[in-house]
C-alpha atoms as a PDB file:
ATOM      1  CA  MET A   1     109.962 164.857  59.740  1.00  0.00           C
ATOM      2  CA  LYS A   2     110.624 161.332  58.556  1.00  0.00           C
ATOM      3  CA  LEU A   3     114.159 161.497  59.964  1.00  0.00           C
ATOM      4  CA  SER A   4     112.871 162.653  63.367  1.00  0.00           C
ATOM      5  CA  PHE A   5     110.279 159.869  63.444  1.00  0.00           C
ATOM      6  CA  LEU A   6     112.937 157.296  62.527  1.00  0.00           C
ATOM      7  CA  LEU A   7     115.248 158.537  65.286  1.00  0.00           C
ATOM      8  CA  PHE A   8     112.332 158.340  67.749  1.00  0.00           C
ATOM      9  CA  LEU A   9     111.650 154.707  66.826  1.00  0.00           C
ATOM     10  CA  ILE A  10     115.326 153.783  67.177  1.00  0.00           C
ATOM     11  CA  LEU A  11     115.591 155.483  70.579  1.00  0.00           C
ATOM     12  CA  SER A  12     112.354 153.876  71.829  1.00  0.00           C
ATOM     13  CA  GLY A  13     113.458 150.435  70.681  1.00  0.00           C
ATOM     14  CA  THR A  14     116.815 150.843  72.405  1.00  0.00           C
ATOM     15  CA  LEU A  15     115.171 151.830  75.696  1.00  0.00           C
ATOM     16  CA  LEU A  16     112.668 148.964  75.554  1.00  0.00           C
ATOM     17  CA  LYS A  17     115.420 146.468  74.803  1.00  0.00           C
ATOM     18  CA  SER A  18     117.528 147.797  77.675  1.00  0.00           C
ATOM     19  CA  ASN A  19     114.625 147.541  80.138  1.00  0.00           C
ATOM     20  CA  ALA A  20     113.752 144.036  78.964  1.00  0.00           C
ATOM     21  CA  GLN A  21     117.326 142.895  79.462  1.00  0.00           C
ATOM     22  CA  GLN A  22     117.380 144.358  82.971  1.00  0.00           C
ATOM     23  CA  ASP A  23     114.072 142.673  83.873  1.00  0.00           C
ATOM     24  CA  SER A  24     115.198 139.311  82.514  1.00  0.00           C
ATOM     25  CA  VAL A  25     118.233 139.146  84.771  1.00  0.00           C
ATOM     26  CA  VAL A  26     116.391 140.093  87.965  1.00  0.00           C
ATOM     27  CA  ILE A  27     116.436 136.973  90.156  1.00  0.00           C
ATOM     28  CA  PRO A  28     113.851 136.787  92.939  1.00  0.00           C
ATOM     29  CA  ASP A  29     115.365 136.872  96.403  1.00  0.00           C
ATOM     30  CA  PRO A  30     114.089 134.045  98.658  1.00  0.00           C
ATOM     31  CA  ASP A  31     114.970 136.139 101.710  1.00  0.00           C
ATOM     32  CA  GLU A  32     112.023 138.384 100.820  1.00  0.00           C
ATOM     33  CA  PHE A  33     109.739 135.607 102.076  1.00  0.00           C
ATOM     34  CA  GLN A  34     109.610 134.750 105.763  1.00  0.00           C
ATOM     35  CA  ARG A  35     106.680 132.308 106.008  1.00  0.00           C
ATOM     36  CA  HIS A  36     105.514 129.506 103.730  1.00  0.00           C
ATOM     37  CA  SER A  37     102.503 127.209 103.566  1.00  0.00           C
ATOM     38  CA  HIS A  38     103.303 123.895 101.855  1.00  0.00           C
ATOM     39  CA  PHE A  39     101.061 121.211 100.359  1.00  0.00           C
ATOM     40  CA  TYR A  40     102.791 117.936  99.443  1.00  0.00           C
ATOM     41  CA  ILE A  41     101.562 115.425  96.854  1.00  0.00           C
ATOM     42  CA  GLY A  42     103.184 112.024  96.312  1.00  0.00           C
ATOM     43  CA  ALA A  43     102.051 109.741  93.485  1.00  0.00           C
ATOM     44  CA  PRO A  44     102.380 105.936  93.573  1.00  0.00           C
ATOM     45  CA  PHE A  45     104.890 103.975  91.489  1.00  0.00           C
ATOM     46  CA  ILE A  46     107.624 106.577  92.046  1.00  0.00           C
ATOM     47  CA  ASN A  47     107.575 106.355  95.861  1.00  0.00           C
ATOM     48  CA  PHE A  48     108.496 103.199  97.742  1.00  0.00           C
ATOM     49  CA  ASN A  49     109.057 101.691 101.151  1.00  0.00           C
ATOM     50  CA  ALA A  50     110.620  98.512 102.539  1.00  0.00           C
ATOM     51  CA  THR A  51     109.057  97.031 105.695  1.00  0.00           C
ATOM     52  CA  HIS A  52     110.387  94.356 108.029  1.00  0.00           C
ATOM     53  CA  TYR A  53     108.256  92.305 110.457  1.00  0.00           C
ATOM     54  CA  PRO A  54     110.706  89.656 111.738  1.00  0.00           C
ATOM     55  CA  HIS A  55     108.401  87.669 114.029  1.00  0.00           C
ATOM     56  CA  LEU A  56     105.545  87.471 111.519  1.00  0.00           C
ATOM     57  CA  ARG A  57     108.010  86.123 108.980  1.00  0.00           C
ATOM     58  CA  GLN A  58     109.252  83.525 111.456  1.00  0.00           C
ATOM     59  CA  ALA A  59     105.674  82.429 112.237  1.00  0.00           C
ATOM     60  CA  PHE A  60     104.846  82.098 108.529  1.00  0.00           C
ATOM     61  CA  LYS A  61     108.066  80.213 107.869  1.00  0.00           C
ATOM     62  CA  SER A  62     107.213  77.648 110.567  1.00  0.00           C
ATOM     63  CA  GLN A  63     104.000  76.887 108.622  1.00  0.00           C
ATOM     64  CA  GLY A  64     105.744  76.632 105.273  1.00  0.00           C
ATOM     65  CA  ILE A  65     104.435  79.994 104.062  1.00  0.00           C
ATOM     66  CA  GLY A  66     106.881  81.986 101.973  1.00  0.00           C
ATOM     67  CA  TYR A  67     107.349  85.504 103.329  1.00  0.00           C
ATOM     68  CA  SER A  68     110.467  87.482 102.499  1.00  0.00           C
ATOM     69  CA  ALA A  69     112.389  89.420 105.118  1.00  0.00           C
ATOM     70  CA  VAL A  70     111.642  92.747 103.403  1.00  0.00           C
ATOM     71  CA  GLN A  71     108.224  93.695 102.055  1.00  0.00           C
ATOM     72  CA  PHE A  72     108.015  96.358  99.333  1.00  0.00           C
ATOM     73  CA  ASN A  73     105.087  98.704  98.686  1.00  0.00           C
ATOM     74  CA  THR A  74     104.569 101.594  96.339  1.00  0.00           C
ATOM     75  CA  ILE A  75     103.011 104.484  98.232  1.00  0.00           C
ATOM     76  CA  ALA A  76     100.747 107.486  97.712  1.00  0.00           C
ATOM     77  CA  SER A  77     100.860 110.402 100.120  1.00  0.00           C
ATOM     78  CA  PHE A  78      99.687 113.912 100.801  1.00  0.00           C
ATOM     79  CA  GLY A  79     100.462 116.365 103.552  1.00  0.00           C
ATOM     80  CA  GLY A  80     100.948 119.942 104.603  1.00  0.00           C
ATOM     81  CA  ALA A  81     103.417 122.055 106.530  1.00  0.00           C
ATOM     82  CA  LEU A  82     103.986 125.553 107.851  1.00  0.00           C
ATOM     83  CA  GLN A  83     107.502 126.960 107.579  1.00  0.00           C
ATOM     84  CA  ARG A  84     109.021 130.019 109.211  1.00  0.00           C
ATOM     85  CA  GLY A  85     112.677 130.548 108.391  1.00  0.00           C
ATOM     86  CA  ARG A  86     114.558 127.327 109.033  1.00  0.00           C
ATOM     87  CA  TYR A  87     111.763 125.733 111.087  1.00  0.00           C
ATOM     88  CA  LYS A  88     108.926 123.609 109.734  1.00  0.00           C
ATOM     89  CA  LEU A  89     105.931 121.832 111.293  1.00  0.00           C
ATOM     90  CA  GLY A  90     103.864 119.412 109.239  1.00  0.00           C
ATOM     91  CA  ALA A  91     101.509 116.436 108.962  1.00  0.00           C
ATOM     92  CA  GLU A  92     101.299 113.615 106.430  1.00  0.00           C
ATOM     93  CA  ALA A  93      98.996 110.756 105.436  1.00  0.00           C
ATOM     94  CA  ILE A  94     100.435 107.739 103.594  1.00  0.00           C
ATOM     95  CA  TYR A  95      98.842 104.758 101.891  1.00  0.00           C
ATOM     96  CA  GLY A  96     100.938 101.730 101.022  1.00  0.00           C
ATOM     97  CA  LEU A  97      99.258 100.066  98.052  1.00  0.00           C
ATOM     98  CA  PRO A  98      98.700  96.293  98.294  1.00  0.00           C
ATOM     99  CA  GLY A  99     101.771  94.364  97.249  1.00  0.00           C
ATOM    100  CA  SER A 100     102.175  90.642  96.643  1.00  0.00           C
ATOM    101  CA  ASP A 101     105.125  88.962  98.306  1.00  0.00           C
ATOM    102  CA  THR A 102     105.395  85.740  96.336  1.00  0.00           C
ATOM    103  CA  LYS A 103     104.134  83.758  93.353  1.00  0.00           C
ATOM    104  CA  LYS A 104     104.314  80.475  95.252  1.00  0.00           C
ATOM    105  CA  PRO A 105     101.225  78.298  95.888  1.00  0.00           C
ATOM    106  CA  THR A 106     100.642  80.279  99.078  1.00  0.00           C
ATOM    107  CA  LYS A 107     100.325  83.987  98.383  1.00  0.00           C
ATOM    108  CA  VAL A 108     100.787  86.854 100.832  1.00  0.00           C
ATOM    109  CA  THR A 109      99.584  90.409 100.181  1.00  0.00           C
ATOM    110  CA  GLY A 110     100.100  93.435 102.393  1.00  0.00           C
ATOM    111  CA  SER A 111      99.150  97.105 102.601  1.00  0.00           C
ATOM    112  CA  TYR A 112      99.094  99.849 105.230  1.00  0.00           C
ATOM    113  CA  ILE A 113      97.801 103.287 106.173  1.00  0.00           C
ATOM    114  CA  ALA A 114      99.903 105.689 108.250  1.00  0.00           C
ATOM    115  CA  TYR A 115      99.554 109.188 109.700  1.00  0.00           C
ATOM    116  CA  SER A 116     102.320 111.288 111.186  1.00  0.00           C
ATOM    117  CA  LEU A 117     103.174 114.668 112.688  1.00  0.00           C
ATOM    118  CA  ASN A 118     106.694 115.975 112.194  1.00  0.00           C
ATOM    119  CA  ALA A 119     108.945 118.924 112.917  1.00  0.00           C
ATOM    120  CA  GLY A 120     111.881 119.900 110.733  1.00  0.00           C
ATOM    121  CA  TYR A 121     114.958 122.112 110.861  1.00  0.00           C
ATOM    122  CA  ALA A 122     116.883 123.262 107.777  1.00  0.00           C
ATOM    123  CA  VAL A 123     120.498 122.316 108.456  1.00  0.00           C
ATOM    124  CA  ILE A 124     121.400 123.723 105.017  1.00  0.00           C
ATOM    125  CA  PHE A 125     119.554 126.930 104.145  1.00  0.00           C
ATOM    126  CA  GLU A 126     120.959 128.400 100.938  1.00  0.00           C
ATOM    127  CA  ARG A 127     119.595 130.601  98.190  1.00  0.00           C
ATOM    128  CA  ASN A 128     118.502 127.798  95.874  1.00  0.00           C
ATOM    129  CA  ARG A 129     118.172 124.781  98.144  1.00  0.00           C
ATOM    130  CA  GLN A 130     117.380 123.665 101.656  1.00  0.00           C
ATOM    131  CA  TYR A 131     117.994 120.391 103.505  1.00  0.00           C
ATOM    132  CA  PHE A 132     115.719 119.499 106.418  1.00  0.00           C
ATOM    133  CA  ILE A 133     116.187 117.003 109.213  1.00  0.00           C
ATOM    134  CA  ASN A 134     112.665 115.918 110.171  1.00  0.00           C
ATOM    135  CA  ILE A 135     111.643 114.100 113.352  1.00  0.00           C
ATOM    136  CA  GLY A 136     108.100 112.856 113.841  1.00  0.00           C
ATOM    137  CA  VAL A 137     105.668 110.513 115.528  1.00  0.00           C
ATOM    138  CA  GLY A 138     102.817 108.610 113.927  1.00  0.00           C
ATOM    139  CA  ARG A 139     100.484 105.649 113.805  1.00  0.00           C
ATOM    140  CA  VAL A 140     100.458 102.848 111.224  1.00  0.00           C
ATOM    141  CA  GLU A 141      97.923 100.093 110.546  1.00  0.00           C
ATOM    142  CA  SER A 142      99.284  97.223 108.460  1.00  0.00           C
ATOM    143  CA  THR A 143      97.092  94.522 106.906  1.00  0.00           C
ATOM    144  CA  VAL A 144      98.349  91.144 105.680  1.00  0.00           C
ATOM    145  CA  SER A 145      96.301  88.454 103.921  1.00  0.00           C
ATOM    146  CA  VAL A 146      97.349  84.873 103.212  1.00  0.00           C
ATOM    147  CA  TYR A 147      95.644  82.463 100.832  1.00  0.00           C
ATOM    148  CA  SER A 148      96.428  79.347  98.847  1.00  0.00           C
ATOM    149  CA  THR A 149      96.372  79.690  95.064  1.00  0.00           C
ATOM    150  CA  ASP A 150      96.130  75.946  94.387  1.00  0.00           C
ATOM    151  CA  THR A 151      93.051  75.232  96.523  1.00  0.00           C
ATOM    152  CA  PRO A 152      90.066  76.144  94.311  1.00  0.00           C
ATOM    153  CA  GLN A 153      86.778  76.292  96.155  1.00  0.00           C
ATOM    154  CA  THR A 154      83.174  77.124  95.269  1.00  0.00           C
ATOM    155  CA  LEU A 155      81.152  78.990  97.863  1.00  0.00           C
ATOM    156  CA  ALA A 156      77.442  79.769  97.724  1.00  0.00           C
ATOM    157  CA  PHE A 157      76.879  83.466  98.264  1.00  0.00           C
ATOM    158  CA  ASN A 158      73.959  82.752 100.601  1.00  0.00           C
ATOM    159  CA  ASN A 159      76.297  80.775 102.866  1.00  0.00           C
ATOM    160  CA  LEU A 160      79.017  83.389 103.341  1.00  0.00           C
ATOM    161  CA  LEU A 161      78.751  83.344 107.128  1.00  0.00           C
ATOM    162  CA  SER A 162      78.174  79.635 107.605  1.00  0.00           C
ATOM    163  CA  ALA A 163      80.481  77.872 105.152  1.00  0.00           C
ATOM    164  CA  PRO A 164      84.121  77.288 106.191  1.00  0.00           C
ATOM    165  CA  ILE A 165      86.773  78.633 103.833  1.00  0.00           C
ATOM    166  CA  VAL A 166      89.792  76.399 103.331  1.00  0.00           C
ATOM    167  CA  GLY A 167      93.145  77.812 102.294  1.00  0.00           C
ATOM    168  CA  GLN A 168      92.491  81.428 103.257  1.00  0.00           C
ATOM    169  CA  SER A 169      93.294  83.213 106.500  1.00  0.00           C
ATOM    170  CA  PRO A 170      91.423  86.155 108.007  1.00  0.00           C
ATOM    171  CA  ALA A 171      93.081  89.483 107.368  1.00  0.00           C
ATOM    172  CA  LEU A 172      95.868  90.035 109.894  1.00  0.00           C
ATOM    173  CA  VAL A 173      96.147  93.546 111.341  1.00  0.00           C
ATOM    174  CA  HIS A 174      99.033  95.214 113.157  1.00  0.00           C
ATOM    175  CA  LYS A 175      98.633  98.688 114.698  1.00  0.00           C
ATOM    176  CA  ASN A 176     101.788 100.390 115.896  1.00  0.00           C
ATOM    177  CA  THR A 177     102.872 103.834 117.072  1.00  0.00           C
ATOM    178  CA  PHE A 178     106.217 104.793 115.560  1.00  0.00           C
ATOM    179  CA  LEU A 179     108.995 107.349 115.640  1.00  0.00           C
ATOM    180  CA  GLU A 180     110.262 108.720 112.341  1.00  0.00           C
ATOM    181  CA  VAL A 181     113.397 110.488 111.153  1.00  0.00           C
ATOM    182  CA  SER A 182     114.052 111.689 107.609  1.00  0.00           C
ATOM    183  CA  LEU A 183     116.316 113.822 105.437  1.00  0.00           C
ATOM    184  CA  GLU A 184     114.514 116.104 102.994  1.00  0.00           C
ATOM    185  CA  ARG A 185     115.905 118.102 100.082  1.00  0.00           C
ATOM    186  CA  THR A 186     113.894 120.787  98.329  1.00  0.00           C
ATOM    187  CA  ILE A 187     114.222 124.155  96.602  1.00  0.00           C
ATOM    188  CA  ARG A 188     113.608 127.381  98.500  1.00  0.00           C
ATOM    189  CA  PRO A 189     110.477 129.138  97.206  1.00  0.00           C
ATOM    190  CA  THR A 190     111.243 132.418  95.446  1.00  0.00           C
ATOM    191  CA  ARG A 191     107.744 133.428  94.329  1.00  0.00           C
ATOM    192  CA  PRO A 192     104.363 133.971  96.013  1.00  0.00           C
ATOM    193  CA  VAL A 193     103.148 130.628  94.602  1.00  0.00           C
ATOM    194  CA  SER A 194     105.550 127.949  93.395  1.00  0.00           C
ATOM    195  CA  LEU A 195     105.772 124.259  92.518  1.00  0.00           C
ATOM    196  CA  ASN A 196     108.988 122.406  93.366  1.00  0.00           C
ATOM    197  CA  PRO A 197     110.263 118.823  93.622  1.00  0.00           C
ATOM    198  CA  VAL A 198     111.053 117.245  96.990  1.00  0.00           C
ATOM    199  CA  PHE A 199     113.238 114.228  97.726  1.00  0.00           C
ATOM    200  CA  ARG A 200     112.908 112.532 101.095  1.00  0.00           C
ATOM    201  CA  ILE A 201     114.477 109.429 102.611  1.00  0.00           C
ATOM    202  CA  GLY A 202     113.762 108.199 106.110  1.00  0.00           C
ATOM    203  CA  TYR A 203     113.204 105.452 108.653  1.00  0.00           C
ATOM    204  CA  ARG A 204     110.284 104.478 110.921  1.00  0.00           C
ATOM    205  CA  LEU A 205     110.581 102.368 114.065  1.00  0.00           C
ATOM    206  CA  GLY A 206     107.740 101.153 116.288  1.00  0.00           C
ATOM    207  CA  ILE A 207     108.070 102.400 119.852  1.00  0.00           C
ATOM    208  CA  ASN A 208     106.757  99.119 121.287  1.00  0.00           C
ATOM    209  CA  THR A 209     105.957  95.541 120.270  1.00  0.00           C
ATOM    210  CA  VAL A 210     102.318  94.752 119.449  1.00  0.00           C
ATOM    211  CA  PRO A 211     100.661  91.372 118.729  1.00  0.00           C
ATOM    212  CA  TRP A 212      99.085  90.681 115.362  1.00  0.00           C
ATOM    213  CA  LYS A 213      95.271  90.540 115.421  1.00  0.00           C
ATOM    214  CA  THR A 214      92.442  90.015 112.923  1.00  0.00           C
ATOM    215  CA  ASP A 215      90.116  92.596 111.406  1.00  0.00           C
ATOM    216  CA  ASN A 216      87.048  90.796 112.792  1.00  0.00           C
ATOM    217  CA  ASN A 217      85.957  89.079 116.009  1.00  0.00           C
ATOM    218  CA  ILE A 218      88.275  86.078 115.641  1.00  0.00           C
ATOM    219  CA  SER A 219      90.691  85.798 118.567  1.00  0.00           C
ATOM    220  CA  LEU A 220      94.211  84.573 117.832  1.00  0.00           C
ATOM    221  CA  THR A 221      96.310  82.557 120.257  1.00  0.00           C
ATOM    222  CA  ASN A 222     100.108  82.518 120.182  1.00  0.00           C
ATOM    223  CA  ALA A 223     100.080  85.384 117.662  1.00  0.00           C
ATOM    224  CA  PRO A 224     103.498  86.825 116.769  1.00  0.00           C
ATOM    225  CA  VAL A 225     104.484  90.109 118.390  1.00  0.00           C
ATOM    226  CA  ASP A 226     106.218  92.759 116.251  1.00  0.00           C
ATOM    227  CA  ARG A 227     107.228  96.372 115.910  1.00  0.00           C
ATOM    228  CA  ILE A 228     107.473  98.057 112.522  1.00  0.00           C
ATOM    229  CA  HIS A 229     110.852  98.603 110.866  1.00  0.00           C
ATOM    230  CA  GLN A 230     110.431 100.633 107.684  1.00  0.00           C
ATOM    231  CA  VAL A 231     112.656 102.522 105.247  1.00  0.00           C
ATOM    232  CA  PHE A 232     110.947 104.890 102.796  1.00  0.00           C
ATOM    233  CA  VAL A 233     112.006 106.877  99.739  1.00  0.00           C
ATOM    234  CA  GLN A 234     109.778 109.654  98.405  1.00  0.00           C
ATOM    235  CA  SER A 235     110.083 111.751  95.258  1.00  0.00           C
ATOM    236  CA  ILE A 236     107.153 114.136  95.561  1.00  0.00           C
ATOM    237  CA  PHE A 237     106.037 117.665  94.697  1.00  0.00           C
ATOM    238  CA  VAL A 238     105.239 120.612  96.918  1.00  0.00           C
ATOM    239  CA  ILE A 239     102.988 123.582  96.163  1.00  0.00           C
ATOM    240  CA  SER A 240     104.108 126.533  98.280  1.00  0.00           C
ATOM    241  CA  LYS A 241     102.314 129.751  99.180  1.00  0.00           C
ATOM    242  CA  SER A 242     104.892 132.273 100.386  1.00  0.00           C
ATOM    243  CA  HIS A 243     104.397 135.406 102.454  1.00  0.00           C
ATOM    244  CA  LYS A 244     106.772 138.362 102.351  1.00  0.00           C
ATOM    245  CA  ARG A 245     108.406 139.864 105.395  1.00  0.00           C
ATOM    246  CA  LYS A 246     106.566 142.736 106.990  1.00  0.00           C
ATOM    247  CA  LEU A 247     108.313 146.041 106.452  1.00  0.00           C
ATOM    248  CA  LYS A 248     109.480 147.844 109.573  1.00  0.00           C
ATOM    249  CA  PHE A 249     109.105 151.594 109.741  1.00  0.00           C
END
């Protein structure tokens, strides 16, 4: 009796071990999934862009205001996309956090908000990775502020609308429609719900030149005219909901 029970335990353990080993080596097949819903999240301080406004820089330079040729911002972003096979259609919202250009007596800060629609095609579509070429169109609103750090001034709060402010410009605003192209690398989803890293690098170019304006009712004369030139690098995450292919009978 004891011998039979011992043999039963040994046989059961062997079968369980064999099944566990078989299950552990089963690799999900990404081809089981035909459609995907993606949600992208990009945190600041690990995502950056470099923006160039040549005519604004020239106008600042003529007034002795330091403004470098390339402006850097750290960015936060979120977006979504629908993918079917190699094709992808998505939308994204981006916020460029305020960045300071210089520590000189005259300080320049800049930020922006952008929205875009894009379509992508996976030029590399392998088991564990996929590379997309994305092309999109969007709208960006950039804001630039200039003020002097060595001109201290006291202003009565009750006189905000009547007292002149020396050494500080109104916020300058530039709204531009742009075209966008990017290369995106990510991992093909292999489960119903997955979290994967995404790396994206791209370029935005304004489709036309637009004059700089203010964010209030002040009219500017001889304002510089620019189009956006922007390079961006994103290291973000994507949460994917995947849907299996429908079986054909």
